[in-house]
């Protein structure tokens, strides 16, 4: 839900802008996102950035060294006639 609202806020701020390259548009989106994450929330009294740094960053773990390898397992039964049911 937050991502939908964030997209509307960011697009609303940039709707009257004119961008001549993708890099220029990307920089404007990054600046709007940084401004939104740095703004203090009313109820908590801290910004999203401060909450991330205080709560989430200390418990973030690095990505695993090896890629995840997808495997699919099935329980197979062997009948009296030695045929395998999958």
PDB file of N, CA and C in Angstrom:
ATOM      1  N   UNK A   1       0.823  -1.187   0.000  1.00  0.00           N
ATOM      2  CA  UNK A   1       0.000   0.000   0.000  1.00  0.00           C
ATOM      3  C   UNK A   1       0.871   1.256   0.000  1.00  0.00           C
ATOM      4  N   UNK A   2       1.960   1.210   0.774  1.00  0.00           N
ATOM      5  CA  UNK A   2       2.834   2.377   0.841  1.00  0.00           C
ATOM      6  C   UNK A   2       3.418   2.703  -0.526  1.00  0.00           C
ATOM      7  N   UNK A   3       3.801   1.671  -1.278  1.00  0.00           N
ATOM      8  CA  UNK A   3       4.435   1.930  -2.570  1.00  0.00           C
ATOM      9  C   UNK A   3       3.472   2.614  -3.538  1.00  0.00           C
ATOM     10  N   UNK A   4       2.187   2.284  -3.472  1.00  0.00           N
ATOM     11  CA  UNK A   4       1.207   2.929  -4.342  1.00  0.00           C
ATOM     12  C   UNK A   4       1.062   4.396  -3.963  1.00  0.00           C
ATOM     13  N   UNK A   5       0.952   4.658  -2.671  1.00  0.00           N
ATOM     14  CA  UNK A   5       0.828   6.035  -2.199  1.00  0.00           C
ATOM     15  C   UNK A   5       2.092   6.824  -2.518  1.00  0.00           C
ATOM     16  N   UNK A   6       3.250   6.215  -2.297  1.00  0.00           N
ATOM     17  CA  UNK A   6       4.518   6.886  -2.590  1.00  0.00           C
ATOM     18  C   UNK A   6       4.623   7.214  -4.074  1.00  0.00           C
ATOM     19  N   UNK A   7       4.196   6.298  -4.921  1.00  0.00           N
ATOM     20  CA  UNK A   7       4.247   6.555  -6.358  1.00  0.00           C
ATOM     21  C   UNK A   7       3.352   7.733  -6.735  1.00  0.00           C
ATOM     22  N   UNK A   8       2.157   7.821  -6.143  1.00  0.00           N
ATOM     23  CA  UNK A   8       1.266   8.940  -6.434  1.00  0.00           C
ATOM     24  C   UNK A   8       1.870  10.259  -5.965  1.00  0.00           C
ATOM     25  N   UNK A   9       2.494  10.252  -4.790  1.00  0.00           N
ATOM     26  CA  UNK A   9       3.104  11.481  -4.265  1.00  0.00           C
ATOM     27  C   UNK A   9       4.252  11.927  -5.158  1.00  0.00           C
ATOM     28  N   UNK A  10       5.124  11.000  -5.508  1.00  0.00           N
ATOM     29  CA  UNK A  10       6.286  11.344  -6.336  1.00  0.00           C
ATOM     30  C   UNK A  10       5.839  11.789  -7.720  1.00  0.00           C
ATOM     31  N   UNK A  11       4.919  11.054  -8.328  1.00  0.00           N
ATOM     32  CA  UNK A  11       4.449  11.441  -9.658  1.00  0.00           C
ATOM     33  C   UNK A  11       3.701  12.766  -9.625  1.00  0.00           C
ATOM     34  N   UNK A  12       3.002  13.032  -8.528  1.00  0.00           N
ATOM     35  CA  UNK A  12       2.308  14.308  -8.393  1.00  0.00           C
ATOM     36  C   UNK A  12       3.273  15.475  -8.350  1.00  0.00           C
ATOM     37  N   UNK A  13       4.409  15.280  -7.681  1.00  0.00           N
ATOM     38  CA  UNK A  13       5.396  16.358  -7.607  1.00  0.00           C
ATOM     39  C   UNK A  13       6.085  16.581  -8.945  1.00  0.00           C
ATOM     40  N   UNK A  14       6.204  15.545  -9.751  1.00  0.00           N
ATOM     41  CA  UNK A  14       6.963  15.634 -10.996  1.00  0.00           C
ATOM     42  C   UNK A  14       6.087  15.808 -12.231  1.00  0.00           C
ATOM     43  N   UNK A  15       4.770  15.889 -12.076  1.00  0.00           N
ATOM     44  CA  UNK A  15       3.881  15.867 -13.236  1.00  0.00           C
ATOM     45  C   UNK A  15       4.047  17.073 -14.143  1.00  0.00           C
ATOM     46  N   UNK A  16       4.473  18.212 -13.615  1.00  0.00           N
ATOM     47  CA  UNK A  16       4.635  19.403 -14.451  1.00  0.00           C
ATOM     48  C   UNK A  16       6.068  19.585 -14.938  1.00  0.00           C
ATOM     49  N   UNK A  17       6.949  18.662 -14.593  1.00  0.00           N
ATOM     50  CA  UNK A  17       8.345  18.766 -15.014  1.00  0.00           C
ATOM     51  C   UNK A  17       8.546  18.271 -16.435  1.00  0.00           C
ATOM     52  N   UNK A  18       9.567  18.764 -17.068  1.00  0.00           N
ATOM     53  CA  UNK A  18       9.948  18.315 -18.406  1.00  0.00           C
ATOM     54  C   UNK A  18      11.343  17.737 -18.312  1.00  0.00           C
ATOM     55  N   UNK A  19      11.491  16.499 -18.731  1.00  0.00           N
ATOM     56  CA  UNK A  19      12.777  15.807 -18.636  1.00  0.00           C
ATOM     57  C   UNK A  19      13.223  15.419 -20.035  1.00  0.00           C
ATOM     58  N   UNK A  20      14.484  15.657 -20.326  1.00  0.00           N
ATOM     59  CA  UNK A  20      15.016  15.395 -21.649  1.00  0.00           C
ATOM     60  C   UNK A  20      15.836  14.126 -21.721  1.00  0.00           C
ATOM     61  N   UNK A  21      15.998  13.452 -20.583  1.00  0.00           N
ATOM     62  CA  UNK A  21      16.702  12.172 -20.593  1.00  0.00           C
ATOM     63  C   UNK A  21      16.191  11.324 -19.440  1.00  0.00           C
ATOM     64  N   UNK A  22      16.401  10.050 -19.551  1.00  0.00           N
ATOM     65  CA  UNK A  22      16.002   9.133 -18.484  1.00  0.00           C
ATOM     66  C   UNK A  22      16.809   9.391 -17.218  1.00  0.00           C
ATOM     67  N   UNK A  23      18.077   9.744 -17.372  1.00  0.00           N
ATOM     68  CA  UNK A  23      18.918  10.033 -16.212  1.00  0.00           C
ATOM     69  C   UNK A  23      18.413  11.257 -15.452  1.00  0.00           C
ATOM     70  N   UNK A  24      17.971  12.270 -16.181  1.00  0.00           N
ATOM     71  CA  UNK A  24      17.439  13.480 -15.550  1.00  0.00           C
ATOM     72  C   UNK A  24      16.149  13.170 -14.785  1.00  0.00           C
ATOM     73  N   UNK A  25      15.294  12.359 -15.375  1.00  0.00           N
ATOM     74  CA  UNK A  25      14.047  11.953 -14.712  1.00  0.00           C
ATOM     75  C   UNK A  25      14.352  11.112 -13.482  1.00  0.00           C
ATOM     76  N   UNK A  26      15.296  10.199 -13.609  1.00  0.00           N
ATOM     77  CA  UNK A  26      15.685   9.336 -12.492  1.00  0.00           C
ATOM     78  C   UNK A  26      16.256  10.156 -11.337  1.00  0.00           C
ATOM     79  N   UNK A  27      17.039  11.183 -11.647  1.00  0.00           N
ATOM     80  CA  UNK A  27      17.594  12.048 -10.602  1.00  0.00           C
ATOM     81  C   UNK A  27      16.492  12.819  -9.883  1.00  0.00           C
ATOM     82  N   UNK A  28      15.488  13.275 -10.629  1.00  0.00           N
ATOM     83  CA  UNK A  28      14.374  14.002 -10.017  1.00  0.00           C
ATOM     84  C   UNK A  28      13.552  13.087  -9.107  1.00  0.00           C
ATOM     85  N   UNK A  29      13.345  11.846  -9.529  1.00  0.00           N
ATOM     86  CA  UNK A  29      12.625  10.878  -8.703  1.00  0.00           C
ATOM     87  C   UNK A  29      13.420  10.579  -7.439  1.00  0.00           C
ATOM     88  N   UNK A  30      14.733  10.425  -7.580  1.00  0.00           N
ATOM     89  CA  UNK A  30      15.583  10.174  -6.419  1.00  0.00           C
ATOM     90  C   UNK A  30      15.547  11.313  -5.418  1.00  0.00           C
ATOM     91  N   UNK A  31      15.558  12.543  -5.909  1.00  0.00           N
ATOM     92  CA  UNK A  31      15.497  13.705  -5.013  1.00  0.00           C
ATOM     93  C   UNK A  31      14.149  13.772  -4.297  1.00  0.00           C
ATOM     94  N   UNK A  32      13.049  13.499  -5.029  1.00  0.00           N
ATOM     95  CA  UNK A  32      11.721  13.509  -4.400  1.00  0.00           C
ATOM     96  C   UNK A  32      11.597  12.394  -3.370  1.00  0.00           C
ATOM     97  N   UNK A  33      12.144  11.238  -3.671  1.00  0.00           N
ATOM     98  CA  UNK A  33      12.106  10.116  -2.736  1.00  0.00           C
ATOM     99  C   UNK A  33      12.929  10.409  -1.483  1.00  0.00           C
ATOM    100  N   UNK A  34      14.090  11.024  -1.668  1.00  0.00           N
ATOM    101  CA  UNK A  34      14.933  11.382  -0.523  1.00  0.00           C
ATOM    102  C   UNK A  34      14.235  12.416   0.356  1.00  0.00           C
ATOM    103  N   UNK A  35      13.548  13.367  -0.275  1.00  0.00           N
ATOM    104  CA  UNK A  35      12.810  14.373   0.485  1.00  0.00           C
ATOM    105  C   UNK A  35      11.665  13.728   1.271  1.00  0.00           C
ATOM    106  N   UNK A  36      10.975  12.775   0.643  1.00  0.00           N
ATOM    107  CA  UNK A  36       9.863  12.103   1.315  1.00  0.00           C
ATOM    108  C   UNK A  36      10.356  11.246   2.480  1.00  0.00           C
ATOM    109  N   UNK A  37      11.471  10.538   2.289  1.00  0.00           N
ATOM    110  CA  UNK A  37      12.003   9.699   3.369  1.00  0.00           C
ATOM    111  C   UNK A  37      12.625  10.514   4.490  1.00  0.00           C
ATOM    112  N   UNK A  38      13.042  11.739   4.215  1.00  0.00           N
ATOM    113  CA  UNK A  38      13.655  12.579   5.232  1.00  0.00           C
ATOM    114  C   UNK A  38      12.667  13.402   6.034  1.00  0.00           C
ATOM    115  N   UNK A  39      11.420  13.473   5.563  1.00  0.00           N
ATOM    116  CA  UNK A  39      10.409  14.259   6.260  1.00  0.00           C
ATOM    117  C   UNK A  39       9.974  13.552   7.544  1.00  0.00           C
ATOM    118  N   UNK A  40       9.823  14.327   8.604  1.00  0.00           N
ATOM    119  CA  UNK A  40       9.469  13.772   9.917  1.00  0.00           C
ATOM    120  C   UNK A  40       7.997  13.370   9.934  1.00  0.00           C
ATOM    121  N   UNK A  41       7.727  12.177  10.456  1.00  0.00           N
ATOM    122  CA  UNK A  41       6.345  11.706  10.573  1.00  0.00           C
ATOM    123  C   UNK A  41       5.713  12.308  11.819  1.00  0.00           C
ATOM    124  N   UNK A  42       4.462  12.688  11.725  1.00  0.00           N
ATOM    125  CA  UNK A  42       3.794  13.381  12.827  1.00  0.00           C
ATOM    126  C   UNK A  42       3.652  12.512  14.069  1.00  0.00           C
ATOM    127  N   UNK A  43       3.167  11.321  13.914  1.00  0.00           N
ATOM    128  CA  UNK A  43       2.902  10.471  15.080  1.00  0.00           C
ATOM    129  C   UNK A  43       4.163  10.003  15.788  1.00  0.00           C
ATOM    130  N   UNK A  44       5.184   9.673  15.020  1.00  0.00           N
ATOM    131  CA  UNK A  44       6.403   9.115  15.608  1.00  0.00           C
ATOM    132  C   UNK A  44       7.440  10.169  15.969  1.00  0.00           C
ATOM    133  N   UNK A  45       7.421  11.278  15.287  1.00  0.00           N
ATOM    134  CA  UNK A  45       8.386  12.329  15.564  1.00  0.00           C
ATOM    135  C   UNK A  45       9.759  12.087  14.955  1.00  0.00           C
ATOM    136  N   UNK A  46       9.874  11.058  14.115  1.00  0.00           N
ATOM    137  CA  UNK A  46      11.124  10.764  13.413  1.00  0.00           C
ATOM    138  C   UNK A  46      10.799  10.482  11.950  1.00  0.00           C
ATOM    139  N   UNK A  47      11.808  10.543  11.107  1.00  0.00           N
ATOM    140  CA  UNK A  47      11.594  10.292   9.681  1.00  0.00           C
ATOM    141  C   UNK A  47      11.734   8.799   9.372  1.00  0.00           C
ATOM    142  N   UNK A  48      11.316   8.432   8.154  1.00  0.00           N
ATOM    143  CA  UNK A  48      11.483   7.045   7.720  1.00  0.00           C
ATOM    144  C   UNK A  48      12.960   6.673   7.674  1.00  0.00           C
ATOM    145  N   UNK A  49      13.784   7.598   7.240  1.00  0.00           N
ATOM    146  CA  UNK A  49      15.229   7.347   7.165  1.00  0.00           C
ATOM    147  C   UNK A  49      15.789   7.053   8.553  1.00  0.00           C
ATOM    148  N   UNK A  50      15.398   7.847   9.569  1.00  0.00           N
ATOM    149  CA  UNK A  50      15.879   7.627  10.937  1.00  0.00           C
ATOM    150  C   UNK A  50      15.383   6.301  11.488  1.00  0.00           C
ATOM    151  N   UNK A  51      14.134   5.934  11.189  1.00  0.00           N
ATOM    152  CA  UNK A  51      13.620   4.643  11.631  1.00  0.00           C
ATOM    153  C   UNK A  51      14.398   3.498  10.998  1.00  0.00           C
ATOM    154  N   UNK A  52      14.687   3.618   9.716  1.00  0.00           N
ATOM    155  CA  UNK A  52      15.465   2.588   9.032  1.00  0.00           C
ATOM    156  C   UNK A  52      16.846   2.436   9.658  1.00  0.00           C
ATOM    157  N   UNK A  53      17.519   3.566   9.881  1.00  0.00           N
ATOM    158  CA  UNK A  53      18.867   3.522  10.445  1.00  0.00           C
ATOM    159  C   UNK A  53      18.864   2.956  11.867  1.00  0.00           C
ATOM    160  N   UNK A  54      17.840   3.251  12.658  1.00  0.00           N
ATOM    161  CA  UNK A  54      17.805   2.819  14.053  1.00  0.00           C
ATOM    162  C   UNK A  54      17.306   1.387  14.221  1.00  0.00           C
ATOM    163  N   UNK A  55      16.323   0.983  13.425  1.00  0.00           N
ATOM    164  CA  UNK A  55      15.672  -0.309  13.655  1.00  0.00           C
ATOM    165  C   UNK A  55      16.139  -1.387  12.682  1.00  0.00           C
ATOM    166  N   UNK A  56      16.136  -1.089  11.400  1.00  0.00           N
ATOM    167  CA  UNK A  56      16.361  -2.130  10.405  1.00  0.00           C
ATOM    168  C   UNK A  56      17.815  -2.350  10.024  1.00  0.00           C
ATOM    169  N   UNK A  57      18.586  -1.285   9.900  1.00  0.00           N
ATOM    170  CA  UNK A  57      19.972  -1.459   9.447  1.00  0.00           C
ATOM    171  C   UNK A  57      20.798  -2.358  10.361  1.00  0.00           C
ATOM    172  N   UNK A  58      20.661  -2.285  11.705  1.00  0.00           N
ATOM    173  CA  UNK A  58      21.468  -3.173  12.545  1.00  0.00           C
ATOM    174  C   UNK A  58      21.189  -4.664  12.356  1.00  0.00           C
ATOM    175  N   UNK A  59      20.002  -5.026  11.874  1.00  0.00           N
ATOM    176  CA  UNK A  59      19.668  -6.447  11.752  1.00  0.00           C
ATOM    177  C   UNK A  59      19.704  -6.956  10.318  1.00  0.00           C
ATOM    178  N   UNK A  60      20.054  -6.114   9.372  1.00  0.00           N
ATOM    179  CA  UNK A  60      20.146  -6.554   7.982  1.00  0.00           C
ATOM    180  C   UNK A  60      21.330  -7.501   7.840  1.00  0.00           C
ATOM    181  N   UNK A  61      21.079  -8.605   7.141  1.00  0.00           N
ATOM    182  CA  UNK A  61      22.142  -9.576   6.894  1.00  0.00           C
ATOM    183  C   UNK A  61      22.591  -9.475   5.439  1.00  0.00           C
ATOM    184  N   UNK A  62      23.845  -9.798   5.166  1.00  0.00           N
ATOM    185  CA  UNK A  62      24.301  -9.741   3.775  1.00  0.00           C
ATOM    186  C   UNK A  62      23.642 -10.843   2.942  1.00  0.00           C
ATOM    187  N   UNK A  63      23.646 -10.649   1.645  1.00  0.00           N
ATOM    188  CA  UNK A  63      23.104 -11.666   0.753  1.00  0.00           C
ATOM    189  C   UNK A  63      23.952 -12.929   0.830  1.00  0.00           C
ATOM    190  N   UNK A  64      23.353 -14.098   0.622  1.00  0.00           N
ATOM    191  CA  UNK A  64      24.137 -15.336   0.647  1.00  0.00           C
ATOM    192  C   UNK A  64      25.178 -15.353  -0.470  1.00  0.00           C
ATOM    193  N   UNK A  65      26.257 -16.086  -0.239  1.00  0.00           N
ATOM    194  CA  UNK A  65      27.335 -16.150  -1.233  1.00  0.00           C
ATOM    195  C   UNK A  65      26.902 -16.904  -2.489  1.00  0.00           C
ATOM    196  N   UNK A  66      26.074 -17.920  -2.323  1.00  0.00           N
ATOM    197  CA  UNK A  66      25.654 -18.745  -3.453  1.00  0.00           C
ATOM    198  C   UNK A  66      24.217 -18.411  -3.844  1.00  0.00           C
ATOM    199  N   UNK A  67      23.938 -18.477  -5.138  1.00  0.00           N
ATOM    200  CA  UNK A  67      22.592 -18.232  -5.624  1.00  0.00           C
ATOM    201  C   UNK A  67      21.642 -19.321  -5.141  1.00  0.00           C
ATOM    202  N   UNK A  68      20.382 -18.964  -4.991  1.00  0.00           N
ATOM    203  CA  UNK A  68      19.369 -19.929  -4.609  1.00  0.00           C
ATOM    204  C   UNK A  68      19.102 -20.849  -5.791  1.00  0.00           C
ATOM    205  N   UNK A  69      19.095 -22.135  -5.534  1.00  0.00           N
ATOM    206  CA  UNK A  69      18.833 -23.104  -6.584  1.00  0.00           C
ATOM    207  C   UNK A  69      17.466 -23.717  -6.339  1.00  0.00           C
ATOM    208  N   UNK A  70      16.566 -23.495  -7.276  1.00  0.00           N
ATOM    209  CA  UNK A  70      15.205 -23.989  -7.134  1.00  0.00           C
ATOM    210  C   UNK A  70      15.175 -25.500  -7.318  1.00  0.00           C
ATOM    211  N   UNK A  71      14.493 -26.194  -6.426  1.00  0.00           N
ATOM    212  CA  UNK A  71      14.319 -27.639  -6.532  1.00  0.00           C
ATOM    213  C   UNK A  71      12.880 -27.971  -6.172  1.00  0.00           C
ATOM    214  N   UNK A  72      12.323 -28.926  -6.857  1.00  0.00           N
ATOM    215  CA  UNK A  72      10.960 -29.347  -6.600  1.00  0.00           C
ATOM    216  C   UNK A  72      10.966 -30.821  -6.239  1.00  0.00           C
ATOM    217  N   UNK A  73      10.404 -31.148  -5.098  1.00  0.00           N
ATOM    218  CA  UNK A  73      10.413 -32.513  -4.596  1.00  0.00           C
ATOM    219  C   UNK A  73       8.988 -33.057  -4.562  1.00  0.00           C
ATOM    220  N   UNK A  74       8.864 -34.329  -4.853  1.00  0.00           N
ATOM    221  CA  UNK A  74       7.569 -35.005  -4.792  1.00  0.00           C
ATOM    222  C   UNK A  74       7.735 -36.291  -4.011  1.00  0.00           C
ATOM    223  N   UNK A  75       6.669 -36.676  -3.329  1.00  0.00           N
ATOM    224  CA  UNK A  75       6.638 -37.954  -2.650  1.00  0.00           C
ATOM    225  C   UNK A  75       6.190 -38.993  -3.671  1.00  0.00           C
ATOM    226  N   UNK A  76       7.013 -39.981  -3.934  1.00  0.00           N
ATOM    227  CA  UNK A  76       6.707 -41.005  -4.932  1.00  0.00           C
ATOM    228  C   UNK A  76       6.422 -42.335  -4.230  1.00  0.00           C
ATOM    229  N   UNK A  77       5.471 -43.064  -4.777  1.00  0.00           N
ATOM    230  CA  UNK A  77       5.142 -44.381  -4.239  1.00  0.00           C
ATOM    231  C   UNK A  77       5.510 -45.445  -5.268  1.00  0.00           C
ATOM    232  N   UNK A  78       5.976 -46.543  -4.767  1.00  0.00           N
ATOM    233  CA  UNK A  78       6.323 -47.652  -5.643  1.00  0.00           C
ATOM    234  C   UNK A  78       5.274 -48.737  -5.426  1.00  0.00           C
ATOM    235  N   UNK A  79       4.626 -49.102  -6.508  1.00  0.00           N
ATOM    236  CA  UNK A  79       3.574 -50.101  -6.423  1.00  0.00           C
ATOM    237  C   UNK A  79       4.128 -51.516  -6.363  1.00  0.00           C
ATOM    238  N   UNK A  80       3.217 -52.466  -6.233  1.00  0.00           N
ATOM    239  CA  UNK A  80       3.606 -53.881  -6.168  1.00  0.00           C
ATOM    240  C   UNK A  80       4.302 -54.311  -7.451  1.00  0.00           C
ATOM    241  N   UNK A  81       3.892 -53.723  -8.575  1.00  0.00           N
ATOM    242  CA  UNK A  81       4.493 -54.082  -9.865  1.00  0.00           C
ATOM    243  C   UNK A  81       5.756 -53.257 -10.168  1.00  0.00           C
ATOM    244  N   UNK A  82       6.295 -52.565  -9.180  1.00  0.00           N
ATOM    245  CA  UNK A  82       7.531 -51.782  -9.269  1.00  0.00           C
ATOM    246  C   UNK A  82       7.418 -50.541 -10.160  1.00  0.00           C
ATOM    247  N   UNK A  83       6.203 -50.098 -10.462  1.00  0.00           N
ATOM    248  CA  UNK A  83       6.008 -48.853 -11.178  1.00  0.00           C
ATOM    249  C   UNK A  83       5.981 -47.704 -10.177  1.00  0.00           C
ATOM    250  N   UNK A  84       6.571 -46.598 -10.539  1.00  0.00           N
ATOM    251  CA  UNK A  84       6.652 -45.433  -9.641  1.00  0.00           C
ATOM    252  C   UNK A  84       5.530 -44.475 -10.033  1.00  0.00           C
ATOM    253  N   UNK A  85       4.740 -44.082  -9.039  1.00  0.00           N
ATOM    254  CA  UNK A  85       3.688 -43.085  -9.244  1.00  0.00           C
ATOM    255  C   UNK A  85       4.240 -41.711  -8.869  1.00  0.00           C
ATOM    256  N   UNK A  86       4.096 -40.787  -9.784  1.00  0.00           N
ATOM    257  CA  UNK A  86       4.576 -39.440  -9.503  1.00  0.00           C
ATOM    258  C   UNK A  86       3.409 -38.515  -9.312  1.00  0.00           C
TER     259      UNK A  86
END
